[in-house]
Amino acid sequence: MHIDLEQLITFERIVREGSFSGAAWALDIPQPTVSARIKTLEQTVGGALFHRRGRQISLTDLGQTFLPYAQRTIAILTEGVEMARQA
């Protein structure tokens, strides 16, 4: 199993922005990169994280379950990097 921080940040940003394109703009990366990261993340976690209806998205049950773990992981890694820089 391989999940990287960029996938988690992208997932969390899509949730926050409410769209793949909004996340792409906020992260300053191409929208196809956002889609590719989520596709890989979904393959790793074993299912769809988002319901996609045209431009509308919402979290699936799996996405809702996974979101707090993704957020905690991002927070812990960010804190760890900050502590390492202060050491």
Protein backbone atom coordinates (compact mmCIF):
# COMPACT_ATOMS: atom_id res chain seq x y z
CA MET A 1 0.00 0.00 0.00
CA HIS A 2 1.34 3.41 -0.96
CA ILE A 3 -0.37 6.67 -0.10
CA ASP A 4 1.62 9.86 -0.36
CA LEU A 5 1.11 13.22 1.28
CA GLU A 6 0.27 14.92 -2.02
CA GLN A 7 -2.67 12.55 -2.51
CA LEU A 8 -4.00 13.31 0.96
CA ILE A 9 -3.56 17.06 0.56
CA THR A 10 -5.32 16.90 -2.81
CA PHE A 11 -8.20 14.87 -1.35
CA GLU A 12 -8.62 17.29 1.56
CA ARG A 13 -8.42 20.31 -0.75
CA ILE A 14 -11.12 18.93 -3.05
CA VAL A 15 -13.38 18.56 -0.03
CA ARG A 16 -12.57 22.10 1.11
CA GLU A 17 -12.97 23.71 -2.33
CA GLY A 18 -15.95 21.60 -3.37
CA SER A 19 -14.52 20.69 -6.76
CA PHE A 20 -11.58 19.13 -8.53
CA SER A 21 -10.99 22.29 -10.55
CA GLY A 22 -11.10 24.47 -7.42
CA ALA A 23 -8.55 22.21 -5.76
CA ALA A 24 -6.34 22.36 -8.85
CA TRP A 25 -6.43 26.14 -8.81
CA ALA A 26 -5.78 26.33 -5.05
CA LEU A 27 -2.87 23.88 -5.28
CA ASP A 28 -1.54 25.47 -8.49
CA ILE A 29 -1.45 22.16 -10.35
CA PRO A 30 -3.24 20.97 -13.50
CA GLN A 31 -6.70 19.47 -13.03
CA PRO A 32 -5.63 16.17 -14.67
CA THR A 33 -3.00 15.84 -11.92
CA VAL A 34 -5.72 16.24 -9.29
CA SER A 35 -7.80 13.54 -11.00
CA ALA A 36 -4.82 11.20 -11.30
CA ARG A 37 -3.93 11.58 -7.62
CA ILE A 38 -7.48 10.82 -6.56
CA LYS A 39 -7.76 7.86 -8.90
CA THR A 40 -4.59 6.37 -7.41
CA LEU A 41 -5.79 7.10 -3.86
CA GLU A 42 -9.15 5.48 -4.60
CA GLN A 43 -7.40 2.38 -5.93
CA THR A 44 -5.36 2.19 -2.74
CA VAL A 45 -8.28 2.62 -0.33
CA GLY A 46 -10.47 0.28 -2.33
CA GLY A 47 -13.28 2.43 -3.65
CA ALA A 48 -14.64 5.77 -4.74
CA LEU A 49 -14.15 8.69 -2.39
CA PHE A 50 -16.48 11.02 -4.28
CA HIS A 51 -19.85 10.82 -5.97
CA ARG A 52 -19.43 12.70 -9.24
CA ARG A 53 -22.49 14.18 -10.90
CA GLY A 54 -21.31 16.51 -13.62
CA ARG A 55 -19.61 19.37 -11.81
CA GLN A 56 -21.22 18.42 -8.49
CA ILE A 57 -19.28 16.22 -6.10
CA SER A 58 -19.99 14.83 -2.67
CA LEU A 59 -18.21 12.39 -0.43
CA THR A 60 -19.16 8.73 -0.55
CA ASP A 61 -19.49 6.84 2.72
CA LEU A 62 -15.90 5.69 2.20
CA GLY A 63 -14.82 9.29 1.62
CA GLN A 64 -16.56 10.46 4.79
CA THR A 65 -14.92 7.67 6.77
CA PHE A 66 -11.48 8.35 5.31
CA LEU A 67 -11.51 12.18 5.57
CA PRO A 68 -10.73 12.54 9.29
CA TYR A 69 -7.79 10.12 8.97
CA ALA A 70 -6.44 12.05 6.00
CA GLN A 71 -6.79 15.32 7.93
CA ARG A 72 -5.05 13.90 10.99
CA THR A 73 -2.23 12.49 8.88
CA ILE A 74 -1.69 15.86 7.19
CA ALA A 75 -1.70 17.63 10.57
CA ILE A 76 0.72 15.15 12.17
CA LEU A 77 3.18 15.29 9.28
CA THR A 78 3.01 19.09 9.16
CA GLU A 79 3.65 19.26 12.90
CA GLY A 80 6.50 16.76 12.61
CA VAL A 81 8.20 18.80 9.90
CA GLU A 82 7.79 21.97 11.98
CA MET A 83 9.29 20.28 15.07
CA ALA A 84 12.19 18.94 13.03
CA ARG A 85 12.90 22.44 11.68
CA GLN A 86 12.93 23.85 15.21
CA ALA A 87 15.28 21.16 16.52
